[in-house]
Each structure stands twice: as C-alpha cells, then as structure tokens.
Amino acid sequence: MSGLADARRVVVKVGSALLVRADGAAHGAWLADFAADVARMRARGQQVVIVSSGAVALGRRRLGLGKRALTLPEKQAAAAAGQSALMRAWEEALGPLGFNCAQVLLTRDDTETRRRWLNARATVETLLGLGVIPVVNENDTVVTEEIRVGDNDRLSARVAQLVGAEALVLLSDVEGLYTADPRRDPSATLIPRVARLTPEIEAMAGGANAQAGVGTGGMATKLEAARIASQAGCATVITLGTRSGPLAAIEAGAPATVIEPATTPRAAYKAWIGGSLSPAGALTVDAGAAAAVLKGKSLLAAGVRAVEGRFDKGECVRVLDPEGREIARGLVRYESGHAARICGLKSEAIEPALGYTSGPLVHADDLALAAHAVTSG
C-alpha cells in the first residue's frame, strides 16, 4: 500500500517518545527492533537516512534537570550532553548488525543557504555511498528559537528534499490522519491515502489531530512536512511507531496514511534550479559544450570560453551558447575567480592549476535546461 519497498532512498523520522523511555534512558529494545527493520531494507539495496530526536531528553537525564520546563540555555546544554548518548544508542543498535552510523547535525541555514545546502548534501551522499547510515538531528546546541527549523518533522522533510528521497516515514503515536479524533469520536475513520493536500485535508489536522505525535510536533506539523516532501517529489507515510518493526508493518499493510508526491525528486530539483534561484553570473560556452549540455551532459571547464559576474561555489549561473542565448541554468562547483582560471582547461589540468578539483564546472545533475532549449531539442 505504501510503496515503501520500491523506494531507492528512504528517510525515517524517529521521535523522542519512541527512542527514550519514561525514566529518561534510551529505549534499547525498541531501537534493536528498528535496527532489524533497517537491516532488512538495506539487504534489498535501499538506502536509509534516520532523522532522530532524543538528544535533549537524554541530556536532561544526564544533567539531572528533571522533568521541569527548561530555559533555552538549559535546552542547549542538555542537547550538548545528550547528543553523544543519542549516537551511542544508535551505534549499539546498528553496530551488531554490521552497520556504521554517522552523526549529521544541521541548522536551518544548512537547508536554506545554497552553498551550505550543497555541502550538507555532498556529506550525506558520501556517507550513503560508503554504506554508512546517517543519523540527522537539528543542532540544538547552537540554534535559537528564531533560527530553528522548528521540529524534526519539518527537518525530516528538508532532509528528504536534500537527499532526493522517494519516501519519508514519520513514526507517530497514532496510526495516521483521521477524519476526527478517534479517541473522542468512535465514528472517526483513518484516511489511508491522500492524493493532494487540500485545505479540507489540512483542516483535519487542527483540533481533532492536533496533538497526534508527541514532542514539539503534532499532526499539523506532520502535514506541513508532507507538503514540503510532496513538492520535492517524495511520498510521506504517517504511521504508528510504537509497534515492533514499524517499517515492516507498513509493508505488511498496517494502518497508515500515505500522502502522494506532487512530482518526482529529479523534476522538483531541476525546477528549483531553473525557476526559484536568481543567477549570480554566467558562463559562455563553445558550440561543442552547448550541444553536450543540451543532451544532458555535464559542463566541463574545457568548453567554457568566458565567465561573467562574481559568484561562490554552489550559486546559480546562466549557461550561454556562443550567440549569448541562455540554454540552461545550473549550480556551479567553483567560485568565479577559480572558474575563470580553469576556462578551457581539460579535466586533468584543473588540479595542477587550482590545487584541488571539484569535478565538472557544473554537473549534469545540477543543470536545468531552459524551456525553449527543451522544446527545440
């Protein structure tokens, strides 16, 4: 029902209520069951990214802060003390099954600033390529309320967007989105599939489902996360996380709400590059490079004839053909000064010239063809 088994890359959000017991210690038994779930998915070739809460809850216990409301500095201190405990819990769960995991701490700037977004994506992509399971959390030690992502539901959607995931699983304390609060209304029914997030669907999350999901988020934030994921080409599954093997249960038909994607991850990314970013400069290319770009190939430095503007690595640039017509936009992998120095150079000459290489000037994955170029092509 969920299509989870068909997703090449899956992001799973695990909340504090699942990971931390009532006494403030890590829930080892649940983590072991969940790790077995992850191992089963990995065995069939899927990549899994975990977005994990729990640092503040575990740190609170370490620092003896009790259950009272914490000030912002106390929350940050608890996060600092608890993050190592959180990673140890994941290592103890995943390690016996032969998996390494790695801590990735993000802030809102890492998901919204292009250069930092690209750096974060490169790090996570490298970890996945090495067979490592990234464990992502918001960097609560340094963020303030004004610059927070908000909660790990939204963070998980941003991570799904970052890595181009096909599926996002939000493990909750309810089975999904209901037409009304099932704890109060016996006639309430689970909505198994949502094709589009309409105002009517979103209204169901306020009030009746508002407190579904513990921690800082409720059902409303889960639907906000689903909207972000949908626009990034990622399906969202909201389901009960307390059951043993929640991911296997989804595939076996356990109750859940599936929110369908509005597009594909690749199309969403290309649209973002082509339509949402303001170009900081331009690269004029020769006829051979223009033809290669129009065929979906990367833009190599050898085919670039001129660099205009001042830009940093990761910024958007226009790609112009020899006649000055824009044929594409893309995220450049070198800042403008270095880009100018390697114009016309073959790939093997870039590292001797700069002391490093970041591959092609603009990778094919980061190029969006202009609409007229697609039509004429």
Protein backbone atom coordinates (compact mmCIF):
# COMPACT_ATOMS: atom_id res chain seq x y z
CA MET A 1 0.00 0.00 0.00
CA SER A 2 2.77 2.44 0.90
CA GLY A 3 5.21 1.68 -1.92
CA LEU A 4 7.96 1.76 0.71
CA ALA A 5 9.65 -1.34 -0.66
CA ASP A 6 10.09 0.34 -4.05
CA ALA A 7 11.81 3.48 -2.77
CA ARG A 8 15.51 3.66 -3.53
CA ARG A 9 16.16 6.10 -0.70
CA VAL A 10 14.07 6.41 2.47
CA VAL A 11 14.16 8.99 5.28
CA VAL A 12 12.69 7.87 8.62
CA LYS A 13 11.91 10.30 11.42
CA VAL A 14 12.12 8.84 14.95
CA GLY A 15 10.75 10.96 17.79
CA SER A 16 11.86 11.20 21.40
CA ALA A 17 8.82 9.29 22.71
CA LEU A 18 9.89 6.20 20.75
CA LEU A 19 13.59 6.43 21.48
CA VAL A 20 13.59 7.50 25.15
CA ARG A 21 11.91 5.54 27.96
CA ALA A 22 9.86 7.15 30.71
CA ASP A 23 12.88 7.03 33.05
CA GLY A 24 14.94 9.10 30.58
CA ALA A 25 17.16 6.28 29.31
CA ALA A 26 17.41 5.11 25.70
CA HIS A 27 14.81 2.51 24.72
CA GLY A 28 17.25 -0.24 23.73
CA ALA A 29 14.64 -2.90 22.91
CA TRP A 30 12.73 -0.64 20.51
CA LEU A 31 15.96 0.51 18.89
CA ALA A 32 17.07 -3.09 18.34
CA ASP A 33 13.80 -3.93 16.60
CA PHE A 34 14.01 -0.82 14.47
CA ALA A 35 17.63 -1.60 13.54
CA ALA A 36 16.48 -5.00 12.28
CA ASP A 37 13.94 -3.16 10.14
CA VAL A 38 16.70 -1.01 8.68
CA ALA A 39 18.92 -4.06 8.06
CA ARG A 40 16.12 -5.74 6.10
CA MET A 41 15.77 -2.66 3.88
CA ARG A 42 19.49 -2.38 3.37
CA ALA A 43 19.72 -6.04 2.39
CA ARG A 44 17.48 -5.39 -0.61
CA GLY A 45 19.55 -2.41 -1.73
CA GLN A 46 17.70 0.52 -0.18
CA GLN A 47 19.47 3.47 1.42
CA VAL A 48 18.14 4.73 4.75
CA VAL A 49 18.63 8.09 6.46
CA ILE A 50 17.43 8.43 10.07
CA VAL A 51 16.27 11.77 11.49
CA SER A 52 16.42 11.26 15.22
CA SER A 53 15.18 13.31 18.15
CA GLY A 54 16.23 12.47 21.69
CA ALA A 55 19.35 14.49 22.49
CA VAL A 56 17.61 16.93 24.83
CA ALA A 57 15.65 14.15 26.56
CA LEU A 58 18.76 12.04 27.13
CA GLY A 59 20.83 15.07 28.14
CA ARG A 60 18.18 16.18 30.63
CA ARG A 61 18.70 12.89 32.49
CA ARG A 62 22.49 13.18 32.40
CA LEU A 63 22.42 16.68 33.82
CA GLY A 64 19.79 15.93 36.44
CA LEU A 65 17.36 18.55 35.13
CA GLY A 66 14.27 16.54 35.95
CA LYS A 67 11.02 16.98 34.03
CA ARG A 68 10.51 20.70 34.56
CA ALA A 69 10.36 23.22 31.70
CA LEU A 70 13.86 24.19 30.55
CA THR A 71 15.23 27.59 29.64
CA LEU A 72 16.84 27.94 26.22
CA PRO A 73 20.41 27.74 27.64
CA GLU A 74 19.39 24.63 29.59
CA LYS A 75 17.94 23.05 26.45
CA GLN A 76 21.17 23.78 24.60
CA ALA A 77 23.22 22.34 27.46
CA ALA A 78 21.01 19.24 27.55
CA ALA A 79 21.41 18.84 23.78
CA ALA A 80 25.19 19.07 24.11
CA ALA A 81 25.25 16.48 26.90
CA GLY A 82 22.71 14.19 25.24
CA GLN A 83 23.92 14.09 21.66
CA SER A 84 26.76 11.68 22.45
CA ALA A 85 24.33 9.46 24.37
CA LEU A 86 21.96 9.53 21.40
CA MET A 87 24.68 8.46 19.00
CA ARG A 88 25.85 5.74 21.38
CA ALA A 89 22.29 4.38 21.45
CA TRP A 90 22.20 4.24 17.66
CA GLU A 91 25.68 2.68 17.48
CA GLU A 92 24.67 -0.01 19.98
CA ALA A 93 21.55 -0.77 17.93
CA LEU A 94 23.08 -0.74 14.44
CA GLY A 95 26.62 -1.94 15.19
CA PRO A 96 25.75 -5.59 16.00
CA LEU A 97 24.07 -5.84 12.60
CA GLY A 98 27.24 -4.71 10.85
CA PHE A 99 26.31 -1.08 10.14
CA ASN A 100 28.27 2.06 10.87
CA CYS A 101 26.34 5.25 11.55
CA ALA A 102 27.43 8.87 11.44
CA GLN A 103 26.16 11.98 13.21
CA VAL A 104 24.95 14.83 10.98
CA LEU A 105 23.88 17.99 12.83
CA LEU A 106 22.02 20.60 10.76
CA THR A 107 20.59 24.08 11.28
CA ARG A 108 18.01 25.92 9.18
CA ASP A 109 20.81 27.70 7.31
CA ASP A 110 22.13 24.32 6.19
CA THR A 111 18.81 23.60 4.49
CA GLU A 112 18.18 27.08 3.07
CA THR A 113 21.58 28.58 2.14
CA ARG A 114 22.64 27.17 -1.23
CA ARG A 115 26.33 26.69 -0.52
CA ARG A 116 25.74 25.06 2.85
CA TRP A 117 22.90 23.01 1.36
CA LEU A 118 25.25 21.64 -1.29
CA ASN A 119 27.93 20.91 1.29
CA ALA A 120 25.44 19.09 3.51
CA ARG A 121 24.12 17.12 0.55
CA ALA A 122 27.64 16.15 -0.50
CA THR A 123 28.42 14.90 3.00
CA VAL A 124 25.27 12.79 3.25
CA GLU A 125 25.74 11.45 -0.29
CA THR A 126 29.31 10.42 0.57
CA LEU A 127 28.18 8.67 3.75
CA LEU A 128 25.49 6.77 1.84
CA GLY A 129 28.00 5.85 -0.85
CA LEU A 130 30.26 4.38 1.84
CA GLY A 131 27.42 2.30 3.23
CA VAL A 132 27.09 4.40 6.38
CA ILE A 133 23.69 5.22 7.90
CA PRO A 134 23.43 8.98 8.54
CA VAL A 135 21.69 9.93 11.80
CA VAL A 136 20.49 13.52 11.43
CA ASN A 137 19.34 15.89 14.16
CA GLU A 138 18.94 19.63 14.48
CA ASN A 139 21.97 21.23 16.11
CA ASP A 140 20.10 22.28 19.24
CA THR A 141 23.34 23.23 20.98
CA VAL A 142 23.76 26.37 18.86
CA VAL A 143 20.35 27.25 17.41
CA THR A 144 17.93 29.71 18.97
CA GLU A 145 14.16 29.75 18.65
CA GLU A 146 14.45 32.39 15.92
CA ILE A 147 16.64 30.26 13.66
CA ARG A 148 15.29 26.77 14.32
CA VAL A 149 13.97 24.53 11.58
CA GLY A 150 11.09 24.16 14.03
CA ASP A 151 10.78 20.45 14.78
CA ASN A 152 12.11 17.18 13.44
CA ASP A 153 9.01 16.54 11.32
CA ARG A 154 9.92 19.55 9.19
CA LEU A 155 13.63 18.76 9.43
CA SER A 156 12.99 15.26 8.10
CA ALA A 157 11.12 16.72 5.11
CA ARG A 158 14.04 19.06 4.42
CA VAL A 159 16.42 16.10 4.65
CA ALA A 160 14.24 14.12 2.23
CA GLN A 161 14.46 17.08 -0.14
CA LEU A 162 18.21 17.35 0.43
CA VAL A 163 18.93 13.73 -0.49
CA GLY A 164 16.25 13.28 -3.15
CA ALA A 165 14.41 10.58 -1.20
CA GLU A 166 11.38 8.85 -2.69
CA ALA A 167 9.78 8.09 0.69
CA LEU A 168 9.58 9.85 4.06
CA VAL A 169 8.27 7.88 7.05
CA LEU A 170 7.03 9.83 10.07
CA LEU A 171 6.71 7.45 13.01
CA SER A 172 3.99 8.78 15.29
CA ASP A 173 1.90 7.79 18.31
CA VAL A 174 -1.17 7.38 16.08
CA GLU A 175 -1.83 5.26 13.00
CA GLY A 176 -2.22 8.21 10.66
CA LEU A 177 -4.59 11.04 9.81
CA TYR A 178 -8.20 10.53 10.89
CA THR A 179 -11.34 12.36 9.85
CA ALA A 180 -11.82 13.23 13.54
CA ASP A 181 -10.20 12.40 16.86
CA PRO A 182 -10.66 8.61 17.21
CA ARG A 183 -10.19 8.89 20.98
CA ARG A 184 -13.33 11.02 21.19
CA ASP A 185 -15.32 10.11 18.10
CA PRO A 186 -15.93 6.37 17.56
CA SER A 187 -17.10 7.08 14.02
CA ALA A 188 -13.74 8.60 13.01
CA THR A 189 -12.04 6.81 10.15
CA LEU A 190 -8.43 6.62 9.06
CA ILE A 191 -7.61 8.25 5.74
CA PRO A 192 -5.34 5.68 4.04
CA ARG A 193 -4.25 7.76 1.06
CA VAL A 194 -4.12 11.47 0.27
CA ALA A 195 -3.57 12.38 -3.37
CA ARG A 196 -3.30 16.11 -2.70
CA LEU A 197 -3.08 18.21 0.44
CA THR A 198 -6.21 20.34 0.17
CA PRO A 199 -7.41 22.89 2.76
CA GLU A 200 -10.05 20.35 3.79
CA ILE A 201 -7.41 17.71 4.49
CA GLU A 202 -5.21 20.17 6.36
CA ALA A 203 -8.17 21.29 8.48
CA MET A 204 -8.43 17.75 9.83
CA ALA A 205 -5.02 18.20 11.48
CA GLY A 206 -6.14 21.17 13.55
CA GLY A 207 -8.11 20.30 16.64
CA ALA A 208 -9.01 16.66 16.17
CA ASN A 209 -5.50 15.52 15.26
CA ALA A 210 -3.59 18.46 16.70
CA GLN A 211 -1.90 16.52 19.49
CA ALA A 212 -1.14 13.43 17.42
CA GLY A 213 2.57 12.92 17.71
CA VAL A 214 4.50 13.79 20.86
CA GLY A 215 7.48 16.09 21.21
CA THR A 216 7.33 19.51 19.58
CA GLY A 217 5.18 18.48 16.63
CA GLY A 218 1.59 17.33 16.15
CA MET A 219 -0.41 16.18 13.15
CA ALA A 220 -0.42 19.72 11.73
CA THR A 221 3.38 19.78 11.58
CA LYS A 222 3.35 16.33 10.00
CA LEU A 223 1.15 17.60 7.21
CA GLU A 224 3.40 20.65 6.82
CA ALA A 225 6.32 18.24 6.47
CA ALA A 226 4.34 16.16 3.98
CA ARG A 227 3.70 19.26 1.87
CA ILE A 228 7.43 20.04 1.74
CA ALA A 229 8.17 16.43 0.85
CA SER A 230 5.41 16.24 -1.77
CA GLN A 231 6.71 19.31 -3.57
CA ALA A 232 10.16 17.70 -3.54
CA GLY A 233 8.80 14.55 -5.20
CA CYS A 234 8.72 12.44 -2.05
CA ALA A 235 5.81 10.38 -0.69
CA THR A 236 5.10 10.64 3.04
CA VAL A 237 3.89 7.82 5.28
CA ILE A 238 2.46 8.63 8.72
CA THR A 239 2.08 5.56 10.92
CA LEU A 240 2.26 4.20 14.43
CA GLY A 241 5.85 3.87 15.58
CA THR A 242 5.35 2.01 18.84
CA ARG A 243 4.68 -1.36 17.19
CA SER A 244 7.60 -3.76 16.77
CA GLY A 245 9.23 -3.42 13.36
CA PRO A 246 7.17 -0.41 12.23
CA LEU A 247 8.68 -0.31 8.74
CA ALA A 248 7.97 -3.99 8.08
CA ALA A 249 4.47 -3.46 9.47
CA ILE A 250 3.82 -0.72 6.91
CA GLU A 251 4.78 -3.03 4.07
CA ALA A 252 2.58 -5.77 5.53
CA GLY A 253 -0.42 -3.46 5.36
CA ALA A 254 -0.55 -1.99 8.85
CA PRO A 255 -2.80 1.09 9.11
CA ALA A 256 -1.11 4.26 7.87
CA THR A 257 -1.73 7.43 5.90
CA VAL A 258 0.18 7.80 2.62
CA ILE A 259 0.47 11.28 1.13
CA GLU A 260 1.41 11.11 -2.53
CA PRO A 261 4.16 13.22 -4.12
CA ALA A 262 3.25 16.06 -6.46
CA THR A 263 6.19 15.35 -8.78
CA THR A 264 9.44 13.34 -8.90
CA PRO A 265 12.58 14.20 -6.89
CA ARG A 266 14.59 14.86 -10.05
CA ALA A 267 11.92 17.07 -11.65
CA ALA A 268 11.46 19.02 -8.41
CA TYR A 269 15.19 19.67 -8.10
CA LYS A 270 15.51 20.80 -11.71
CA ALA A 271 12.50 23.09 -11.34
CA TRP A 272 14.06 24.62 -8.21
CA ILE A 273 17.27 25.39 -10.08
CA GLY A 274 15.54 26.67 -13.20
CA GLY A 275 12.80 28.73 -11.63
CA SER A 276 13.49 29.53 -7.99
CA LEU A 277 17.07 30.82 -7.95
CA SER A 278 18.43 34.18 -9.10
CA PRO A 279 21.55 33.74 -11.25
CA ALA A 280 24.71 35.29 -9.82
CA GLY A 281 26.70 35.10 -13.06
CA ALA A 282 27.02 33.50 -16.46
CA LEU A 283 29.22 31.02 -18.32
CA THR A 284 29.57 31.35 -22.09
CA VAL A 285 30.38 28.04 -23.75
CA ASP A 286 31.55 26.90 -27.17
CA ALA A 287 29.33 25.05 -29.65
CA GLY A 288 30.53 21.61 -28.56
CA ALA A 289 29.84 22.26 -24.90
CA ALA A 290 26.44 23.75 -25.72
CA ALA A 291 25.50 20.62 -27.66
CA ALA A 292 26.66 18.42 -24.77
CA VAL A 293 24.64 20.39 -22.21
CA LEU A 294 21.53 20.15 -24.39
CA LYS A 295 22.00 16.37 -24.45
CA GLY A 296 22.04 16.25 -20.65
CA LYS A 297 25.81 16.10 -20.16
CA SER A 298 27.86 17.94 -17.53
CA LEU A 299 29.50 21.25 -18.39
CA LEU A 300 33.27 20.76 -18.41
CA ALA A 301 35.75 23.59 -17.98
CA ALA A 302 37.26 22.77 -21.37
CA GLY A 303 34.13 24.02 -23.12
CA VAL A 304 33.81 27.33 -21.26
CA ARG A 305 35.01 30.45 -23.04
CA ALA A 306 34.07 33.27 -20.62
CA VAL A 307 32.97 33.84 -17.03
CA GLU A 308 30.77 36.79 -16.04
CA GLY A 309 29.85 38.04 -12.59
CA ARG A 310 31.04 37.19 -9.10
CA PHE A 311 29.70 34.04 -7.52
CA ASP A 312 30.54 31.50 -4.86
CA LYS A 313 30.61 27.74 -5.15
CA GLY A 314 27.03 26.44 -5.21
CA GLU A 315 25.43 29.56 -6.62
CA CYS A 316 23.22 29.58 -9.69
CA VAL A 317 24.70 30.68 -13.03
CA ARG A 318 23.31 31.05 -16.55
CA VAL A 319 24.82 28.93 -19.30
CA LEU A 320 25.02 30.84 -22.60
CA ASP A 321 25.71 29.45 -26.08
CA PRO A 322 28.21 31.16 -28.43
CA GLU A 323 25.46 33.56 -29.57
CA GLY A 324 24.71 34.62 -26.00
CA ARG A 325 21.41 32.75 -25.72
CA GLU A 326 20.62 31.15 -22.38
CA ILE A 327 20.37 27.38 -22.77
CA ALA A 328 20.45 26.32 -19.12
CA ARG A 329 20.95 27.30 -15.50
CA GLY A 330 22.99 25.36 -13.01
CA LEU A 331 24.76 25.27 -9.66
CA VAL A 332 28.44 25.92 -10.24
CA ARG A 333 31.09 23.92 -8.38
CA TYR A 334 33.80 26.61 -8.35
CA GLU A 335 33.77 30.25 -7.25
CA SER A 336 34.05 32.79 -10.05
CA GLY A 337 37.79 33.53 -9.71
CA HIS A 338 38.68 29.85 -9.91
CA ALA A 339 36.15 29.28 -12.69
CA ALA A 340 37.86 31.98 -14.76
CA ARG A 341 41.28 30.37 -14.16
CA ILE A 342 40.21 26.98 -15.48
CA CYS A 343 38.29 28.13 -18.57
CA GLY A 344 39.36 26.00 -21.50
CA LEU A 345 41.34 23.53 -19.36
CA LYS A 346 40.92 19.80 -19.68
CA SER A 347 39.77 17.99 -16.55
CA GLU A 348 43.20 16.58 -15.73
CA ALA A 349 44.70 20.09 -15.76
CA ILE A 350 42.34 21.55 -13.13
CA GLU A 351 44.03 20.19 -10.01
CA PRO A 352 47.53 21.38 -11.04
CA ALA A 353 46.04 24.83 -11.74
CA LEU A 354 44.00 25.20 -8.54
CA GLY A 355 45.46 22.69 -6.12
CA TYR A 356 42.13 20.82 -5.97
CA THR A 357 39.33 19.64 -8.20
CA SER A 358 35.56 19.53 -7.71
CA GLY A 359 34.86 17.73 -10.96
CA PRO A 360 32.97 19.41 -13.83
CA LEU A 361 32.24 23.13 -13.69
CA VAL A 362 28.52 22.32 -13.50
CA HIS A 363 27.45 18.70 -13.02
CA ALA A 364 24.61 17.35 -15.16
CA ASP A 365 22.58 16.65 -12.00
CA ASP A 366 22.73 20.37 -11.18
CA LEU A 367 21.73 21.65 -14.65
CA ALA A 368 18.22 22.69 -15.67
CA LEU A 369 17.65 23.30 -19.38
CA ALA A 370 15.86 26.47 -20.45
CA ALA A 371 12.27 25.83 -21.59
CA HIS A 372 12.97 26.92 -25.18
CA ALA A 373 16.03 24.66 -25.28
CA VAL A 374 13.97 21.64 -24.20
CA THR A 375 11.30 22.46 -26.80
CA SER A 376 13.77 22.93 -29.63
CA GLY A 377 15.72 19.86 -28.54
